[in-house]
C-alpha atoms as a PDB file:
ATOM      1  CA  ARG A   1     161.550 241.726 -53.687  1.00  0.00           C
ATOM      2  CA  ASP A   2     158.756 240.007 -55.412  1.00  0.00           C
ATOM      3  CA  ILE A   3     158.701 238.011 -52.286  1.00  0.00           C
ATOM      4  CA  LEU A   4     158.354 241.222 -50.104  1.00  0.00           C
ATOM      5  CA  LYS A   5     155.140 242.169 -52.350  1.00  0.00           C
ATOM      6  CA  GLU A   6     153.399 238.728 -52.351  1.00  0.00           C
ATOM      7  CA  PHE A   7     153.975 238.706 -48.481  1.00  0.00           C
ATOM      8  CA  ASP A   8     152.646 241.915 -48.021  1.00  0.00           C
ATOM      9  CA  GLN A   9     149.601 240.930 -50.139  1.00  0.00           C
ATOM     10  CA  LYS A  10     148.833 237.915 -47.528  1.00  0.00           C
ATOM     11  CA  VAL A  11     149.189 240.008 -44.700  1.00  0.00           C
ATOM     12  CA  PHE A  12     146.759 242.699 -45.944  1.00  0.00           C
ATOM     13  CA  GLU A  13     144.223 240.197 -47.350  1.00  0.00           C
ATOM     14  CA  ASN A  14     143.837 238.573 -44.154  1.00  0.00           C
ATOM     15  CA  LEU A  15     143.852 242.169 -42.070  1.00  0.00           C
ATOM     16  CA  LYS A  16     140.888 243.007 -44.522  1.00  0.00           C
ATOM     17  CA  ALA A  17     139.136 239.751 -43.817  1.00  0.00           C
ATOM     18  CA  GLU A  18     139.275 239.872 -40.000  1.00  0.00           C
ATOM     19  CA  ASN A  19     138.700 243.971 -40.164  1.00  0.00           C
ATOM     20  CA  ILE A  20     141.443 244.899 -38.365  1.00  0.00           C
ATOM     21  CA  PHE A  21     143.984 247.626 -39.984  1.00  0.00           C
ATOM     22  CA  THR A  22     147.369 248.859 -38.169  1.00  0.00           C
ATOM     23  CA  PHE A  23     147.445 252.635 -38.663  1.00  0.00           C
ATOM     24  CA  HIS A  24     150.416 252.332 -41.349  1.00  0.00           C
ATOM     25  CA  ASN A  25     147.713 250.230 -43.454  1.00  0.00           C
ATOM     26  CA  THR A  26     144.887 253.079 -42.930  1.00  0.00           C
ATOM     27  CA  GLU A  27     148.022 255.436 -43.919  1.00  0.00           C
ATOM     28  CA  ALA A  28     149.175 253.317 -47.221  1.00  0.00           C
ATOM     29  CA  LEU A  29     145.218 253.286 -48.247  1.00  0.00           C
ATOM     30  CA  ALA A  30     144.802 257.123 -48.268  1.00  0.00           C
ATOM     31  CA  LEU A  31     147.926 257.533 -50.124  1.00  0.00           C
ATOM     32  CA  LYS A  32     146.718 255.249 -52.488  1.00  0.00           C
ATOM     33  CA  LEU A  33     143.167 256.230 -52.973  1.00  0.00           C
ATOM     34  CA  LEU A  34     144.572 259.799 -53.284  1.00  0.00           C
ATOM     35  CA  THR A  35     146.977 259.053 -56.284  1.00  0.00           C
ATOM     36  CA  GLY A  36     144.633 256.702 -57.995  1.00  0.00           C
ATOM     37  CA  GLU A  37     142.257 257.209 -61.088  1.00  0.00           C
ATOM     38  CA  ASN A  38     139.027 259.318 -59.072  1.00  0.00           C
ATOM     39  CA  ALA A  39     142.039 261.244 -57.096  1.00  0.00           C
ATOM     40  CA  HIS A  40     140.842 264.608 -58.454  1.00  0.00           C
ATOM     41  CA  GLU A  41     137.169 263.935 -56.949  1.00  0.00           C
ATOM     42  CA  PHE A  42     138.639 264.131 -53.393  1.00  0.00           C
ATOM     43  CA  LEU A  43     141.499 266.990 -53.839  1.00  0.00           C
ATOM     44  CA  SER A  44     139.137 268.850 -55.310  1.00  0.00           C
ATOM     45  CA  LEU A  45     137.284 268.990 -51.933  1.00  0.00           C
ATOM     46  CA  TYR A  46     140.114 270.971 -49.780  1.00  0.00           C
ATOM     47  CA  ASP A  47     140.722 274.542 -49.895  1.00  0.00           C
ATOM     48  CA  GLU A  48     143.111 274.170 -47.569  1.00  0.00           C
ATOM     49  CA  VAL A  49     145.730 271.714 -45.682  1.00  0.00           C
ATOM     50  CA  CYS A  50     146.481 272.448 -42.191  1.00  0.00           C
ATOM     51  CA  VAL A  51     149.146 270.320 -40.502  1.00  0.00           C
ATOM     52  CA  ASP A  52     150.592 270.702 -36.787  1.00  0.00           C
ATOM     53  CA  GLU A  53     153.599 269.694 -35.515  1.00  0.00           C
ATOM     54  CA  TYR A  54     155.363 269.172 -38.788  1.00  0.00           C
ATOM     55  CA  GLN A  55     158.446 268.225 -37.500  1.00  0.00           C
ATOM     56  CA  ASP A  56     156.831 264.780 -36.374  1.00  0.00           C
ATOM     57  CA  THR A  57     155.613 263.636 -39.925  1.00  0.00           C
ATOM     58  CA  ASN A  58     157.033 260.644 -41.425  1.00  0.00           C
ATOM     59  CA  ASP A  59     157.866 259.962 -45.196  1.00  0.00           C
ATOM     60  CA  LEU A  60     154.416 258.745 -46.070  1.00  0.00           C
ATOM     61  CA  GLN A  61     152.286 261.335 -44.467  1.00  0.00           C
ATOM     62  CA  ASN A  62     154.625 264.451 -46.000  1.00  0.00           C
ATOM     63  CA  MET A  63     153.616 262.517 -49.430  1.00  0.00           C
ATOM     64  CA  LEU A  64     150.100 262.229 -48.519  1.00  0.00           C
ATOM     65  CA  PHE A  65     150.336 265.989 -46.997  1.00  0.00           C
ATOM     66  CA  TYR A  66     152.160 266.724 -50.480  1.00  0.00           C
ATOM     67  CA  VAL A  67     149.445 265.458 -53.203  1.00  0.00           C
ATOM     68  CA  LEU A  68     146.359 266.399 -50.667  1.00  0.00           C
ATOM     69  CA  SER A  69     147.126 270.043 -50.898  1.00  0.00           C
ATOM     70  CA  ASN A  70     148.403 269.834 -54.947  1.00  0.00           C
ATOM     71  CA  LYS A  71     151.895 270.041 -54.389  1.00  0.00           C
ATOM     72  CA  ASP A  72     152.011 272.117 -51.516  1.00  0.00           C
ATOM     73  CA  SER A  73     150.071 274.992 -52.844  1.00  0.00           C
ATOM     74  CA  ARG A  74     147.423 274.844 -50.544  1.00  0.00           C
ATOM     75  CA  LEU A  75     149.673 273.605 -47.648  1.00  0.00           C
ATOM     76  CA  PHE A  76     149.524 275.350 -44.179  1.00  0.00           C
ATOM     77  CA  ALA A  77     152.077 273.725 -41.640  1.00  0.00           C
ATOM     78  CA  VAL A  78     153.249 274.710 -38.131  1.00  0.00           C
ATOM     79  CA  GLY A  79     156.524 272.925 -36.336  1.00  0.00           C
ATOM     80  CA  ASP A  80     159.386 273.477 -34.695  1.00  0.00           C
ATOM     81  CA  VAL A  81     162.302 271.383 -35.548  1.00  0.00           C
ATOM     82  CA  LYS A  82     163.658 271.381 -32.030  1.00  0.00           C
ATOM     83  CA  GLN A  83     160.740 269.325 -30.803  1.00  0.00           C
ATOM     84  CA  SER A  84     161.435 266.664 -32.830  1.00  0.00           C
ATOM     85  CA  ILE A  85     162.488 264.366 -29.911  1.00  0.00           C
ATOM     86  CA  TYR A  86     159.939 261.906 -29.568  1.00  0.00           C
ATOM     87  CA  GLY A  87     160.157 260.058 -33.273  1.00  0.00           C
ATOM     88  CA  PHE A  88     156.584 258.712 -33.576  1.00  0.00           C
ATOM     89  CA  ARG A  89     156.086 256.400 -36.261  1.00  0.00           C
ATOM     90  CA  GLY A  90     158.857 256.727 -38.011  1.00  0.00           C
ATOM     91  CA  ALA A  91     159.219 260.636 -38.105  1.00  0.00           C
ATOM     92  CA  ASN A  92     161.352 262.492 -40.531  1.00  0.00           C
ATOM     93  CA  PRO A  93     162.304 266.174 -39.023  1.00  0.00           C
ATOM     94  CA  SER A  94     164.085 266.926 -42.107  1.00  0.00           C
ATOM     95  CA  HIS A  95     160.958 267.575 -44.613  1.00  0.00           C
ATOM     96  CA  PHE A  96     160.121 270.264 -41.773  1.00  0.00           C
ATOM     97  CA  LEU A  97     163.827 271.821 -42.289  1.00  0.00           C
ATOM     98  CA  GLU A  98     163.470 271.377 -46.137  1.00  0.00           C
ATOM     99  CA  LYS A  99     160.249 273.696 -46.047  1.00  0.00           C
ATOM    100  CA  LYS A 100     161.797 276.056 -43.567  1.00  0.00           C
ATOM    101  CA  ARG A 101     164.703 276.677 -46.033  1.00  0.00           C
ATOM    102  CA  SER A 102     162.887 276.412 -49.480  1.00  0.00           C
ATOM    103  CA  HIS A 103     160.446 279.253 -48.159  1.00  0.00           C
ATOM    104  CA  ILE A 104     160.738 283.028 -47.911  1.00  0.00           C
ATOM    105  CA  ALA A 105     160.160 285.328 -44.836  1.00  0.00           C
ATOM    106  CA  VAL A 106     157.127 286.573 -44.906  1.00  0.00           C
ATOM    107  CA  GLY A 107     158.478 290.551 -45.788  1.00  0.00           C
ATOM    108  CA  GLU A 108     160.751 289.322 -48.612  1.00  0.00           C
ATOM    109  CA  ALA A 109     158.425 286.730 -50.276  1.00  0.00           C
ATOM    110  CA  LYS A 110     157.291 287.960 -53.927  1.00  0.00           C
ATOM    111  CA  ALA A 111     153.615 287.229 -55.312  1.00  0.00           C
ATOM    112  CA  GLY A 112     153.181 283.191 -55.354  1.00  0.00           C
ATOM    113  CA  GLU A 113     156.377 282.415 -53.383  1.00  0.00           C
ATOM    114  CA  PRO A 114     156.071 279.899 -50.381  1.00  0.00           C
ATOM    115  CA  ILE A 115     156.133 282.227 -47.606  1.00  0.00           C
ATOM    116  CA  LYS A 116     157.193 281.588 -43.790  1.00  0.00           C
ATOM    117  CA  ILE A 117     156.323 283.309 -40.520  1.00  0.00           C
ATOM    118  CA  ILE A 118     158.912 282.982 -37.864  1.00  0.00           C
ATOM    119  CA  LEU A 119     156.717 283.023 -34.355  1.00  0.00           C
ATOM    120  CA  GLY A 120     159.878 283.631 -32.422  1.00  0.00           C
ATOM    121  CA  ASN A 121     158.071 285.840 -29.610  1.00  0.00           C
ATOM    122  CA  ASN A 122     157.985 284.354 -25.832  1.00  0.00           C
ATOM    123  CA  PHE A 123     155.297 285.523 -23.692  1.00  0.00           C
ATOM    124  CA  ARG A 124     155.892 283.114 -21.197  1.00  0.00           C
ATOM    125  CA  SER A 125     159.247 283.761 -19.888  1.00  0.00           C
ATOM    126  CA  ARG A 126     161.625 286.499 -18.415  1.00  0.00           C
ATOM    127  CA  PRO A 127     163.714 287.827 -20.730  1.00  0.00           C
ATOM    128  CA  GLU A 128     166.850 286.548 -18.348  1.00  0.00           C
ATOM    129  CA  VAL A 129     165.512 282.976 -18.842  1.00  0.00           C
ATOM    130  CA  CYS A 130     165.107 283.452 -23.178  1.00  0.00           C
ATOM    131  CA  ASN A 131     168.585 285.412 -22.826  1.00  0.00           C
ATOM    132  CA  PHE A 132     169.723 281.988 -20.749  1.00  0.00           C
ATOM    133  CA  ILE A 133     168.254 279.275 -23.256  1.00  0.00           C
ATOM    134  CA  ASN A 134     169.215 281.583 -26.124  1.00  0.00           C
ATOM    135  CA  TYR A 135     172.850 281.525 -25.170  1.00  0.00           C
ATOM    136  CA  LEU A 136     172.946 277.647 -24.048  1.00  0.00           C
ATOM    137  CA  PHE A 137     171.224 276.410 -27.336  1.00  0.00           C
ATOM    138  CA  LYS A 138     173.243 278.363 -29.505  1.00  0.00           C
ATOM    139  CA  LEU A 139     176.493 276.826 -27.847  1.00  0.00           C
ATOM    140  CA  PHE A 140     174.950 273.269 -28.122  1.00  0.00           C
ATOM    141  CA  MET A 141     172.659 273.268 -31.138  1.00  0.00           C
ATOM    142  CA  THR A 142     174.539 273.008 -34.305  1.00  0.00           C
ATOM    143  CA  GLU A 143     173.815 270.941 -37.737  1.00  0.00           C
ATOM    144  CA  LYS A 144     176.455 268.256 -36.499  1.00  0.00           C
ATOM    145  CA  THR A 145     175.190 267.748 -33.312  1.00  0.00           C
ATOM    146  CA  GLY A 146     171.001 268.767 -33.386  1.00  0.00           C
ATOM    147  CA  GLU A 147     170.277 268.710 -37.426  1.00  0.00           C
ATOM    148  CA  ILE A 148     169.835 272.195 -37.029  1.00  0.00           C
ATOM    149  CA  VAL A 149     171.849 275.441 -36.119  1.00  0.00           C
ATOM    150  CA  TYR A 150     170.386 277.806 -33.731  1.00  0.00           C
ATOM    151  CA  ASP A 151     170.248 280.978 -35.173  1.00  0.00           C
ATOM    152  CA  ASP A 152     168.204 284.417 -35.310  1.00  0.00           C
ATOM    153  CA  GLU A 153     165.462 282.287 -36.856  1.00  0.00           C
ATOM    154  CA  GLU A 154     165.373 280.168 -33.874  1.00  0.00           C
ATOM    155  CA  LYS A 155     166.044 282.255 -30.975  1.00  0.00           C
ATOM    156  CA  LEU A 156     163.311 283.253 -28.102  1.00  0.00           C
ATOM    157  CA  ILE A 157     162.385 286.583 -28.462  1.00  0.00           C
ATOM    158  CA  PRO A 158     161.503 287.818 -25.068  1.00  0.00           C
ATOM    159  CA  SER A 159     157.923 290.008 -25.364  1.00  0.00           C
ATOM    160  CA  GLY A 160     156.055 289.378 -21.999  1.00  0.00           C
ATOM    161  CA  THR A 161     155.202 291.997 -19.260  1.00  0.00           C
ATOM    162  CA  PHE A 162     156.152 290.720 -15.541  1.00  0.00           C
ATOM    163  CA  SER A 163     156.705 292.739 -12.354  1.00  0.00           C
ATOM    164  CA  PRO A 164     160.148 293.467 -11.074  1.00  0.00           C
ATOM    165  CA  SER A 165     162.130 290.805  -8.634  1.00  0.00           C
ATOM    166  CA  ASP A 166     165.402 290.686  -7.351  1.00  0.00           C
ATOM    167  CA  PHE A 167     164.903 286.664  -6.835  1.00  0.00           C
ATOM    168  CA  PRO A 168     167.099 284.705  -9.260  1.00  0.00           C
ATOM    169  CA  LYS A 169     165.691 283.875 -12.884  1.00  0.00           C
ATOM    170  CA  VAL A 170     168.004 281.162 -14.008  1.00  0.00           C
ATOM    171  CA  THR A 171     169.948 278.900 -11.358  1.00  0.00           C
ATOM    172  CA  VAL A 172     172.001 276.277 -12.306  1.00  0.00           C
ATOM    173  CA  SER A 173     173.681 273.589  -9.936  1.00  0.00           C
ATOM    174  CA  ILE A 174     176.269 271.347 -10.766  1.00  0.00           C
ATOM    175  CA  ILE A 175     176.651 268.622  -8.095  1.00  0.00           C
ATOM    176  CA  GLU A 176     180.243 266.797  -7.821  1.00  0.00           C
ATOM    177  CA  THR A 177     179.294 263.233  -6.772  1.00  0.00           C
ATOM    178  CA  LYS A 178     182.139 260.416  -6.189  1.00  0.00           C
ATOM    179  CA  ASP A 179     179.942 257.785  -4.329  1.00  0.00           C
ATOM    180  CA  SER A 180     177.845 255.047  -6.230  1.00  0.00           C
ATOM    181  CA  GLU A 181     175.132 255.505  -8.545  1.00  0.00           C
ATOM    182  CA  GLU A 182     172.273 254.948  -5.919  1.00  0.00           C
ATOM    183  CA  LYS A 183     173.874 257.329  -3.551  1.00  0.00           C
ATOM    184  CA  ASN A 184     174.782 260.250  -6.148  1.00  0.00           C
ATOM    185  CA  LYS A 185     170.749 260.090  -6.942  1.00  0.00           C
ATOM    186  CA  VAL A 186     170.212 260.855  -3.352  1.00  0.00           C
ATOM    187  CA  ILE A 187     172.816 263.905  -3.275  1.00  0.00           C
ATOM    188  CA  GLU A 188     170.711 265.139  -6.365  1.00  0.00           C
ATOM    189  CA  ALA A 189     167.216 264.959  -4.857  1.00  0.00           C
ATOM    190  CA  ARG A 190     168.665 266.425  -1.863  1.00  0.00           C
ATOM    191  CA  GLN A 191     170.001 269.549  -4.007  1.00  0.00           C
ATOM    192  CA  ILE A 192     166.419 269.859  -5.408  1.00  0.00           C
ATOM    193  CA  ALA A 193     164.742 269.575  -2.189  1.00  0.00           C
ATOM    194  CA  GLN A 194     166.900 272.548  -0.864  1.00  0.00           C
ATOM    195  CA  TYR A 195     166.120 274.487  -3.820  1.00  0.00           C
ATOM    196  CA  ILE A 196     162.174 273.978  -3.337  1.00  0.00           C
ATOM    197  CA  LYS A 197     162.798 275.252   0.239  1.00  0.00           C
ATOM    198  CA  THR A 198     164.571 278.154  -0.631  1.00  0.00           C
ATOM    199  CA  VAL A 199     161.695 279.135  -2.718  1.00  0.00           C
ATOM    200  CA  MET A 200     159.245 278.429  -0.654  1.00  0.00           C
ATOM    201  CA  SER A 201     160.782 280.352   2.262  1.00  0.00           C
ATOM    202  CA  ALA A 202     161.523 283.472   0.047  1.00  0.00           C
ATOM    203  CA  GLY A 203     159.124 286.379   0.109  1.00  0.00           C
ATOM    204  CA  ASP A 204     156.595 287.216  -2.908  1.00  0.00           C
ATOM    205  CA  VAL A 205     158.530 285.579  -6.565  1.00  0.00           C
ATOM    206  CA  ILE A 206     155.876 283.899  -8.154  1.00  0.00           C
ATOM    207  CA  SER A 207     154.165 285.827 -11.370  1.00  0.00           C
ATOM    208  CA  ASP A 208     150.362 285.811 -10.933  1.00  0.00           C
ATOM    209  CA  SER A 209     147.800 286.330 -13.435  1.00  0.00           C
ATOM    210  CA  ASN A 210     147.287 289.462 -12.244  1.00  0.00           C
ATOM    211  CA  GLY A 211     150.904 290.720 -13.245  1.00  0.00           C
ATOM    212  CA  GLY A 212     152.160 290.764 -10.021  1.00  0.00           C
ATOM    213  CA  LEU A 213     154.033 288.525  -7.708  1.00  0.00           C
ATOM    214  CA  ARG A 214     152.640 286.010  -4.833  1.00  0.00           C
ATOM    215  CA  LYS A 215     154.228 283.601  -2.606  1.00  0.00           C
ATOM    216  CA  ALA A 216     155.409 280.002  -4.240  1.00  0.00           C
ATOM    217  CA  LYS A 217     153.188 276.987  -3.584  1.00  0.00           C
ATOM    218  CA  TYR A 218     154.171 273.169  -4.018  1.00  0.00           C
ATOM    219  CA  SER A 219     152.309 273.091  -6.743  1.00  0.00           C
ATOM    220  CA  ASP A 220     154.313 275.861  -8.836  1.00  0.00           C
ATOM    221  CA  PHE A 221     157.239 273.214  -8.908  1.00  0.00           C
ATOM    222  CA  ALA A 222     157.963 270.375 -11.442  1.00  0.00           C
ATOM    223  CA  ILE A 223     160.670 267.936 -11.559  1.00  0.00           C
ATOM    224  CA  LEU A 224     161.284 266.866 -15.342  1.00  0.00           C
ATOM    225  CA  LEU A 225     163.434 263.839 -15.709  1.00  0.00           C
ATOM    226  CA  ARG A 226     164.901 261.553 -18.718  1.00  0.00           C
ATOM    227  CA  ALA A 227     163.318 258.336 -17.639  1.00  0.00           C
ATOM    228  CA  LEU A 228     161.078 257.927 -14.319  1.00  0.00           C
ATOM    229  CA  LYS A 229     162.419 254.503 -13.865  1.00  0.00           C
ATOM    230  CA  ASN A 230     165.508 254.453 -10.733  1.00  0.00           C
ATOM    231  CA  ASN A 231     165.082 257.935 -10.763  1.00  0.00           C
ATOM    232  CA  ALA A 232     161.675 259.452  -9.191  1.00  0.00           C
ATOM    233  CA  ASP A 233     161.361 256.804  -6.460  1.00  0.00           C
ATOM    234  CA  VAL A 234     164.626 258.153  -4.966  1.00  0.00           C
ATOM    235  CA  ILE A 235     163.734 261.818  -5.602  1.00  0.00           C
ATOM    236  CA  THR A 236     160.061 261.191  -4.127  1.00  0.00           C
ATOM    237  CA  GLU A 237     161.599 259.276  -1.040  1.00  0.00           C
ATOM    238  CA  GLU A 238     163.847 262.134  -0.141  1.00  0.00           C
ATOM    239  CA  LEU A 239     161.520 264.897  -0.700  1.00  0.00           C
ATOM    240  CA  ARG A 240     158.898 263.330   1.259  1.00  0.00           C
ATOM    241  CA  ARG A 241     161.438 262.772   4.022  1.00  0.00           C
ATOM    242  CA  GLN A 242     162.031 266.484   3.981  1.00  0.00           C
ATOM    243  CA  GLY A 243     158.436 267.293   4.561  1.00  0.00           C
ATOM    244  CA  ILE A 244     157.756 268.190   0.792  1.00  0.00           C
ATOM    245  CA  PRO A 245     154.603 266.963  -0.653  1.00  0.00           C
ATOM    246  CA  VAL A 246     154.910 264.800  -4.126  1.00  0.00           C
ATOM    247  CA  ASN A 247     152.606 263.951  -6.162  1.00  0.00           C
ATOM    248  CA  TYR A 248     153.860 260.945  -8.527  1.00  0.00           C
ATOM    249  CA  SER A 249     152.120 257.739  -9.175  1.00  0.00           C
ATOM    250  CA  LYS A 250     154.516 254.662 -10.868  1.00  0.00           C
ATOM    251  CA  ASP A 251     151.634 252.683 -11.388  1.00  0.00           C
ATOM    252  CA  GLY A 252     147.979 252.749 -13.753  1.00  0.00           C
ATOM    253  CA  PHE A 253     149.419 255.505 -15.623  1.00  0.00           C
ATOM    254  CA  CYS A 254     147.462 254.346 -18.365  1.00  0.00           C
ATOM    255  CA  ASP A 255     144.511 254.048 -16.791  1.00  0.00           C
ATOM    256  CA  PHE A 256     144.151 257.783 -16.393  1.00  0.00           C
ATOM    257  CA  THR A 257     140.775 259.705 -17.641  1.00  0.00           C
ATOM    258  CA  GLU A 258     143.214 261.655 -19.527  1.00  0.00           C
ATOM    259  CA  VAL A 259     145.417 259.398 -21.339  1.00  0.00           C
END
C-alpha cells in the first residue's frame, strides 16, 4: 500500500510539473477540495445540485455529488438504469438503484422524505409498440439477468395520440440460417431490404408532424447494429444492390464536426 501511495504521488508530481491532468485527476482533486478544511466555502455556494444520466456515475462521482449536495439533501438526479449499457469510466448503476429504492413516491412521501417521480409516460410510440416492449422486457429483464426487475415502475405508459393505421406496428422476423456466417449476414441484409421495400410501397403509414399519416421516405429507416465491423459493409452492399440508398461512412467518423 505504501508503494502504491508513493507511486501515485510521483505520478501526480510529474503531471503537475507538465500541467497535464487526466479526467480522473480532476475528479479526485475536486473531491479532495470539497472534503478539505475550507470545503464549507464552496458547499455554501450551491442551493441545488442537478445531475442527469445518474446511472452512468462512478463511485468517485457519486461521492462527489453526495458531498456537494450536503449528503444528498440538495440533490436532484435524473436517470434510467435500463440505459446503463456503456460502462463509461467505471460507471456503477447500483448508486442510482439505491436512490430509486430508498426514495418515496411523490404522492406517498411525507415532509422531509426523499421523493421520487416516475416518468413512465411515453409520447413517442404507439400503444402497440409500448405494449410489445413491456411484454418483451418483462420476460427478460430480471434482477438476475439485468440487475433490475421490469415492474410497474419501469414499464412504458402509452400517452401519445396517433392517427389510425392498419399497417403492422411491430414486426419480428426470425431468420433460419444454415450457411456460413458471411452468407447468413447476406440473408439478413436481404430481409432488411425486403422490409424497407414493403414499407416504401405501402400507402400512408408514417405519422407526420401534424398528427396525420404520410408515405414513407428512405430517411425514415435506421439500422441499428451491435458493431459496424463485419456487418455494416455487407448490409450496405446488399441494400445498394437492390437500389436502396444508404448513408454510411466507416472512415473519418471522429472528424465529423458534431463528434
